[in-house]
């Protein structure tokens, strides 16, 4: 099957490679020419404009969009829709807000186009391990794309499926990421307790490795954590800043709309927000109040911590590279995109 792919970064680029390895033809387009060339070097057909991409695909066309959620996805989907033909399909494989996906589906349906939303999980390890895909959209459109999903998934009959109508794929992926936030926070809190128990001189790396085998808390997240701790279990060169890309926030908001308690996920999101503050205004106010009513000693701020943001893992490179922070620093203009912090807001469509 021949398919188009827009967005050839660390996720899209590796998905192109997996599709090529599975015998598909892929036409690749990206705003960065180097990413297009990297995909072409692996056998993809390069495209240098949207028109070029569309022109290289047979009707009915299928184009997978793998760009940051929010404005980037909105602009790309609508630009494509204006150029494509009735019966073509646009696939959004990014982390879009499910309400945006519902709206886009209605808009594209009115243009005679199919819209399929695919919540995609697997990260930089997907090339090797396969991707989990939670799919929303018309059943016929999803079935027509099944050869693509079967190749990208861990096996042809596992790790992918149609969740329901348009928006449902991204909704299930949103909740998936909310659960991920809670799991990560629980591991981090538990290991911080172990780290603080100095009188036992605990070997945290050894504990992580032990828990990987037979323990009820074993998981792939723990596997990756154990690997990361082999180099430096103290994480001496890391800041405690933890980015959030939007899905955790959206999960909390939806839990409120549904009236469903989600305290663990909610607190895990709040902890990420706190980590993103260099200094907490609330904390400073608490300190001021405590001194005001009790005359207590307080700590003054002499210097705000200085941090550097290092480059994300590059497309087509070994995922094991993520276990090291030995990478070039990036300019401030690139931080939000590479940290995954763009596209948190829903797009205000008509």
Protein backbone atom coordinates (compact mmCIF):
# COMPACT_ATOMS: atom_id res chain seq x y z
CA UNK A 1 0.00 0.00 0.00
CA UNK A 2 1.21 3.52 -0.75
CA UNK A 3 0.59 6.15 1.92
CA UNK A 4 1.69 9.72 2.55
CA UNK A 5 3.33 10.82 5.81
CA UNK A 6 3.56 14.43 6.93
CA UNK A 7 5.93 14.99 9.86
CA UNK A 8 9.12 12.95 9.74
CA UNK A 9 10.46 13.65 13.23
CA UNK A 10 11.32 11.13 15.93
CA UNK A 11 7.86 9.47 15.76
CA UNK A 12 6.86 10.00 12.13
CA UNK A 13 10.34 9.22 10.80
CA UNK A 14 10.49 5.90 12.63
CA UNK A 15 6.96 5.01 11.52
CA UNK A 16 8.02 5.57 7.92
CA UNK A 17 10.94 3.19 8.43
CA UNK A 18 8.70 0.50 9.96
CA UNK A 19 6.23 0.82 7.08
CA UNK A 20 9.03 0.54 4.53
CA UNK A 21 10.35 -2.54 6.31
CA UNK A 22 6.84 -3.99 6.07
CA UNK A 23 6.79 -3.62 2.29
CA UNK A 24 4.72 -0.44 1.95
CA UNK A 25 5.54 2.57 -0.17
CA UNK A 26 5.69 5.87 1.71
CA UNK A 27 5.77 9.40 0.34
CA UNK A 28 7.25 11.66 3.00
CA UNK A 29 6.98 15.40 3.59
CA UNK A 30 8.34 17.60 6.37
CA UNK A 31 9.03 21.29 6.81
CA UNK A 32 12.66 20.37 7.53
CA UNK A 33 14.43 19.25 4.35
CA UNK A 34 16.93 17.20 6.37
CA UNK A 35 14.10 15.01 7.69
CA UNK A 36 12.79 14.45 4.15
CA UNK A 37 16.27 13.45 3.01
CA UNK A 38 16.72 11.10 5.97
CA UNK A 39 13.47 9.34 5.07
CA UNK A 40 14.47 9.18 1.40
CA UNK A 41 17.79 7.61 2.37
CA UNK A 42 15.76 4.76 3.91
CA UNK A 43 13.65 4.24 0.82
CA UNK A 44 10.79 6.73 1.13
CA UNK A 45 9.70 8.81 -1.84
CA UNK A 46 10.48 12.46 -1.05
CA UNK A 47 7.92 15.25 -1.40
CA UNK A 48 8.81 18.91 -1.14
CA UNK A 49 5.34 20.47 -1.06
CA UNK A 50 1.85 19.31 -0.12
CA UNK A 51 0.94 19.34 -3.82
CA UNK A 52 3.95 17.15 -4.57
CA UNK A 53 2.91 14.73 -1.83
CA UNK A 54 -0.69 14.49 -3.03
CA UNK A 55 0.42 14.09 -6.64
CA UNK A 56 2.48 10.99 -5.82
CA UNK A 57 -0.44 9.12 -4.25
CA UNK A 58 -3.07 7.06 -6.10
CA UNK A 59 -6.76 7.71 -5.47
CA UNK A 60 -8.33 7.18 -3.03
CA UNK A 61 -5.42 8.72 -1.15
CA UNK A 62 -4.46 8.20 2.49
CA UNK A 63 -2.20 10.72 4.24
CA UNK A 64 -1.01 10.33 7.83
CA UNK A 65 -0.35 13.59 9.71
CA UNK A 66 2.22 13.30 12.51
CA UNK A 67 2.85 16.86 13.64
CA UNK A 68 2.44 18.64 17.01
CA UNK A 69 -1.15 18.97 18.17
CA UNK A 70 -2.95 22.29 18.13
CA UNK A 71 -2.36 24.89 15.45
CA UNK A 72 0.20 22.81 13.53
CA UNK A 73 -2.26 19.95 13.13
CA UNK A 74 -5.19 22.28 12.37
CA UNK A 75 -3.29 24.13 9.66
CA UNK A 76 -1.95 20.93 8.10
CA UNK A 77 -5.28 19.08 8.07
CA UNK A 78 -7.20 22.00 6.60
CA UNK A 79 -4.53 22.73 3.98
CA UNK A 80 -4.63 19.09 2.93
CA UNK A 81 -8.41 18.96 2.89
CA UNK A 82 -8.55 21.89 0.50
CA UNK A 83 -6.35 20.05 -2.00
CA UNK A 84 -7.58 16.46 -1.72
CA UNK A 85 -10.41 14.68 -3.57
CA UNK A 86 -13.66 13.13 -2.40
CA UNK A 87 -13.09 9.69 -0.92
CA UNK A 88 -9.56 10.49 0.31
CA UNK A 89 -8.61 9.95 3.95
CA UNK A 90 -6.68 12.14 6.37
CA UNK A 91 -5.26 10.38 9.44
CA UNK A 92 -4.25 12.36 12.52
CA UNK A 93 -1.80 10.20 14.46
CA UNK A 94 -0.70 12.89 16.92
CA UNK A 95 -2.00 13.78 20.37
CA UNK A 96 -4.85 16.06 19.36
CA UNK A 97 -7.64 16.97 21.74
CA UNK A 98 -10.52 14.60 20.99
CA UNK A 99 -13.00 17.48 20.70
CA UNK A 100 -10.86 18.99 17.93
CA UNK A 101 -10.91 15.60 16.20
CA UNK A 102 -14.70 15.39 16.42
CA UNK A 103 -14.98 18.86 14.89
CA UNK A 104 -12.49 18.12 12.12
CA UNK A 105 -14.34 14.93 11.24
CA UNK A 106 -17.58 16.83 10.74
CA UNK A 107 -15.83 19.48 8.63
CA UNK A 108 -14.09 16.93 6.42
CA UNK A 109 -17.21 14.81 6.05
CA UNK A 110 -18.90 17.85 4.57
CA UNK A 111 -16.09 17.97 2.00
CA UNK A 112 -16.51 14.30 1.09
CA UNK A 113 -13.34 13.25 2.95
CA UNK A 114 -12.74 10.62 5.63
CA UNK A 115 -11.04 11.60 8.89
CA UNK A 116 -9.45 8.95 11.11
CA UNK A 117 -7.97 9.83 14.51
CA UNK A 118 -5.25 7.50 15.79
CA UNK A 119 -3.97 7.81 19.34
CA UNK A 120 -0.47 6.44 18.91
CA UNK A 121 1.69 5.09 21.74
CA UNK A 122 5.16 3.63 21.54
CA UNK A 123 7.46 6.63 21.44
CA UNK A 124 10.97 6.25 20.13
CA UNK A 125 10.83 2.48 20.77
CA UNK A 126 7.97 1.94 18.33
CA UNK A 127 10.25 1.18 15.39
CA UNK A 128 11.61 -1.84 17.21
CA UNK A 129 8.65 -2.88 19.40
CA UNK A 130 5.69 -1.69 17.35
CA UNK A 131 3.07 0.93 18.15
CA UNK A 132 -0.20 0.70 20.09
CA UNK A 133 -2.91 2.48 18.11
CA UNK A 134 -6.31 3.54 19.40
CA UNK A 135 -8.39 4.39 16.34
CA UNK A 136 -11.54 6.44 15.85
CA UNK A 137 -13.52 6.96 12.68
CA UNK A 138 -15.78 5.39 10.09
CA UNK A 139 -15.50 1.59 10.22
CA UNK A 140 -15.07 1.33 6.44
CA UNK A 141 -12.29 3.91 6.38
CA UNK A 142 -10.49 2.15 9.24
CA UNK A 143 -10.79 -1.23 7.53
CA UNK A 144 -9.30 0.15 4.33
CA UNK A 145 -6.24 1.23 6.32
CA UNK A 146 -5.83 -2.09 8.13
CA UNK A 147 -2.66 -3.09 6.19
CA UNK A 148 -0.98 0.04 7.58
CA UNK A 149 -2.12 -0.60 11.15
CA UNK A 150 -1.10 -4.27 10.96
CA UNK A 151 2.43 -3.27 9.98
CA UNK A 152 2.85 -0.51 12.55
CA UNK A 153 1.43 -2.60 15.42
CA UNK A 154 3.53 -5.04 17.49
CA UNK A 155 1.84 -7.89 15.56
CA UNK A 156 -0.85 -7.81 12.87
CA UNK A 157 -3.59 -8.79 15.31
CA UNK A 158 -2.46 -7.12 18.55
CA UNK A 159 -1.94 -3.53 19.67
CA UNK A 160 -4.46 -1.81 17.42
CA UNK A 161 -8.20 -1.51 17.07
CA UNK A 162 -11.14 0.74 16.28
CA UNK A 163 -12.44 2.32 19.47
CA UNK A 164 -15.57 3.87 17.95
CA UNK A 165 -16.60 6.99 16.01
CA UNK A 166 -14.41 9.97 15.26
CA UNK A 167 -12.72 11.38 18.35
CA UNK A 168 -12.81 8.10 20.27
CA UNK A 169 -9.25 7.16 19.32
CA UNK A 170 -7.85 10.37 20.71
CA UNK A 171 -10.11 10.16 23.75
CA UNK A 172 -8.83 6.70 24.69
CA UNK A 173 -5.26 7.88 24.11
CA UNK A 174 -5.89 10.90 26.35
CA UNK A 175 -6.99 8.68 29.23
CA UNK A 176 -4.06 6.34 28.47
CA UNK A 177 -1.67 9.25 28.95
CA UNK A 178 -3.44 10.31 32.15
CA UNK A 179 -2.86 6.82 33.53
CA UNK A 180 0.76 7.09 32.41
CA UNK A 181 1.15 10.32 34.41
CA UNK A 182 -0.16 8.60 37.53
CA UNK A 183 2.06 5.55 37.11
CA UNK A 184 5.16 7.65 36.59
CA UNK A 185 4.38 9.80 39.62
CA UNK A 186 3.89 6.71 41.83
CA UNK A 187 7.24 5.25 40.78
CA UNK A 188 8.98 8.61 41.34
CA UNK A 189 7.50 9.04 44.82
CA UNK A 190 8.34 5.51 45.87
CA UNK A 191 11.93 5.77 44.71
CA UNK A 192 12.30 9.15 46.41
CA UNK A 193 11.32 7.49 49.70
CA UNK A 194 13.92 4.78 49.12
CA UNK A 195 16.48 7.45 48.25
CA UNK A 196 15.74 9.34 51.47
CA UNK A 197 16.21 6.29 53.73
CA UNK A 198 19.94 6.89 54.11
CA UNK A 199 20.48 4.59 57.09
CA UNK A 200 19.80 1.53 54.89
CA UNK A 201 22.20 2.65 52.11
CA UNK A 202 19.79 1.22 49.54
CA UNK A 203 20.98 0.48 46.00
CA UNK A 204 18.12 1.96 43.97
CA UNK A 205 19.32 0.56 40.68
CA UNK A 206 19.42 -2.92 42.15
CA UNK A 207 15.92 -2.51 43.56
CA UNK A 208 14.56 -1.35 40.20
CA UNK A 209 16.14 -4.36 38.51
CA UNK A 210 14.77 -6.73 41.17
CA UNK A 211 11.23 -5.37 40.81
CA UNK A 212 11.32 -6.06 37.07
CA UNK A 213 11.08 -9.81 37.74
CA UNK A 214 8.05 -11.34 39.43
CA UNK A 215 6.91 -8.17 41.21
CA UNK A 216 3.33 -6.92 40.88
CA UNK A 217 4.70 -3.45 40.04
CA UNK A 218 6.78 -4.65 37.07
CA UNK A 219 6.09 -2.79 33.82
CA UNK A 220 7.77 -1.42 30.72
CA UNK A 221 8.06 1.95 32.47
CA UNK A 222 10.00 0.21 35.23
CA UNK A 223 12.18 -1.53 32.64
CA UNK A 224 13.13 1.85 31.15
CA UNK A 225 13.69 3.33 34.62
CA UNK A 226 16.01 0.47 35.58
CA UNK A 227 18.01 1.01 32.39
CA UNK A 228 18.25 4.76 33.06
CA UNK A 229 19.54 4.11 36.59
CA UNK A 230 22.43 1.97 35.35
CA UNK A 231 24.35 5.05 34.28
CA UNK A 232 23.70 7.41 37.19
CA UNK A 233 21.05 6.46 39.73
CA UNK A 234 21.38 9.92 41.29
CA UNK A 235 20.47 11.64 37.99
CA UNK A 236 23.03 14.29 38.91
CA UNK A 237 22.88 16.21 35.62
CA UNK A 238 19.07 16.35 35.37
CA UNK A 239 16.77 19.16 36.46
CA UNK A 240 13.53 18.21 38.23
CA UNK A 241 11.58 20.12 35.55
CA UNK A 242 9.00 17.74 34.03
CA UNK A 243 7.21 18.83 30.85
CA UNK A 244 3.56 18.12 30.18
CA UNK A 245 2.10 17.94 26.69
CA UNK A 246 -1.58 18.50 27.39
CA UNK A 247 -3.21 15.07 27.59
CA UNK A 248 -2.91 14.87 31.38
CA UNK A 249 -4.59 18.26 31.75
CA UNK A 250 -7.36 17.24 29.35
CA UNK A 251 -7.94 14.01 31.28
CA UNK A 252 -8.42 15.98 34.49
CA UNK A 253 -10.78 18.46 32.81
CA UNK A 254 -12.87 15.64 31.36
CA UNK A 255 -13.04 13.88 34.71
CA UNK A 256 -14.58 17.07 36.12
CA UNK A 257 -17.07 17.30 33.26
CA UNK A 258 -18.05 13.65 33.78
CA UNK A 259 -18.12 13.91 37.57
CA UNK A 260 -15.67 11.01 37.83
CA UNK A 261 -13.08 11.27 40.64
CA UNK A 262 -9.52 11.01 39.35
CA UNK A 263 -7.36 12.14 42.32
CA UNK A 264 -4.17 10.29 41.39
CA UNK A 265 -4.10 11.58 37.81
CA UNK A 266 -5.05 15.09 38.98
CA UNK A 267 -2.25 15.25 41.55
CA UNK A 268 0.28 13.88 39.07
CA UNK A 269 -0.56 16.72 36.69
CA UNK A 270 -0.31 19.25 39.53
CA UNK A 271 3.12 17.90 40.44
CA UNK A 272 4.32 18.49 36.89
CA UNK A 273 3.03 22.05 37.00
CA UNK A 274 4.90 22.63 40.26
CA UNK A 275 8.09 21.22 38.73
CA UNK A 276 7.87 23.80 35.95
CA UNK A 277 8.10 26.72 38.37
CA UNK A 278 11.61 27.94 39.06
CA UNK A 279 10.28 29.44 42.28
CA UNK A 280 6.75 29.03 43.61
CA UNK A 281 4.96 32.30 44.34
CA UNK A 282 2.66 30.40 46.72
CA UNK A 283 5.70 29.01 48.55
CA UNK A 284 7.20 32.47 48.92
CA UNK A 285 3.89 33.80 50.24
CA UNK A 286 3.68 30.98 52.79
CA UNK A 287 7.18 31.84 53.94
CA UNK A 288 6.23 35.53 54.27
CA UNK A 289 3.07 34.73 56.24
CA UNK A 290 4.93 32.40 58.59
CA UNK A 291 7.50 35.09 59.35
CA UNK A 292 4.78 37.72 59.74
CA UNK A 293 2.73 35.87 62.35
CA UNK A 294 5.48 33.97 64.13
CA UNK A 295 8.66 35.87 63.46
CA UNK A 296 10.25 32.65 62.16
CA UNK A 297 13.51 32.50 60.27
CA UNK A 298 13.11 32.21 56.49
CA UNK A 299 15.35 31.34 53.57
CA UNK A 300 16.16 34.06 51.06
CA UNK A 301 16.66 33.41 47.37
CA UNK A 302 20.22 34.23 46.32
CA UNK A 303 20.17 32.83 42.80
CA UNK A 304 17.62 31.05 40.59
CA UNK A 305 18.82 27.68 39.30
CA UNK A 306 20.30 27.74 35.80
CA UNK A 307 19.29 24.96 33.42
CA UNK A 308 20.06 23.88 29.86
CA UNK A 309 17.67 22.04 27.56
CA UNK A 310 19.38 19.33 25.53
CA UNK A 311 18.27 18.12 22.12
CA UNK A 312 15.57 15.48 21.76
CA UNK A 313 16.49 12.04 20.41
CA UNK A 314 16.77 12.39 16.65
CA UNK A 315 14.80 10.41 14.03
CA UNK A 316 16.26 7.08 12.88
CA UNK A 317 18.65 6.82 15.83
CA UNK A 318 18.82 4.05 18.41
CA UNK A 319 16.21 4.55 21.16
CA UNK A 320 18.89 3.63 23.71
CA UNK A 321 20.25 7.15 23.10
CA UNK A 322 17.40 8.39 25.31
CA UNK A 323 19.14 6.85 28.33
CA UNK A 324 21.82 9.54 28.11
CA UNK A 325 21.58 13.33 28.39
CA UNK A 326 24.86 13.76 26.51
CA UNK A 327 23.39 15.78 23.66
CA UNK A 328 23.74 19.30 22.22
CA UNK A 329 21.90 22.17 23.88
CA UNK A 330 19.03 23.75 21.92
CA UNK A 331 18.03 27.42 21.60
CA UNK A 332 15.16 28.80 23.65
CA UNK A 333 13.02 29.10 20.52
CA UNK A 334 13.04 25.30 20.17
CA UNK A 335 12.36 24.41 23.80
CA UNK A 336 8.55 24.27 23.77
CA UNK A 337 8.42 22.12 20.64
CA UNK A 338 11.10 19.65 21.68
CA UNK A 339 9.82 19.40 25.25
CA UNK A 340 6.44 18.49 23.78
CA UNK A 341 4.71 21.51 25.27
CA UNK A 342 3.13 22.92 22.12
CA UNK A 343 -0.50 22.32 21.28
CA UNK A 344 -1.90 22.17 24.82
CA UNK A 345 -4.89 24.34 23.95
CA UNK A 346 -7.86 23.21 21.94
CA UNK A 347 -8.17 24.90 18.58
CA UNK A 348 -11.06 27.34 18.54
CA UNK A 349 -12.77 26.19 15.35
CA UNK A 350 -15.92 27.58 13.83
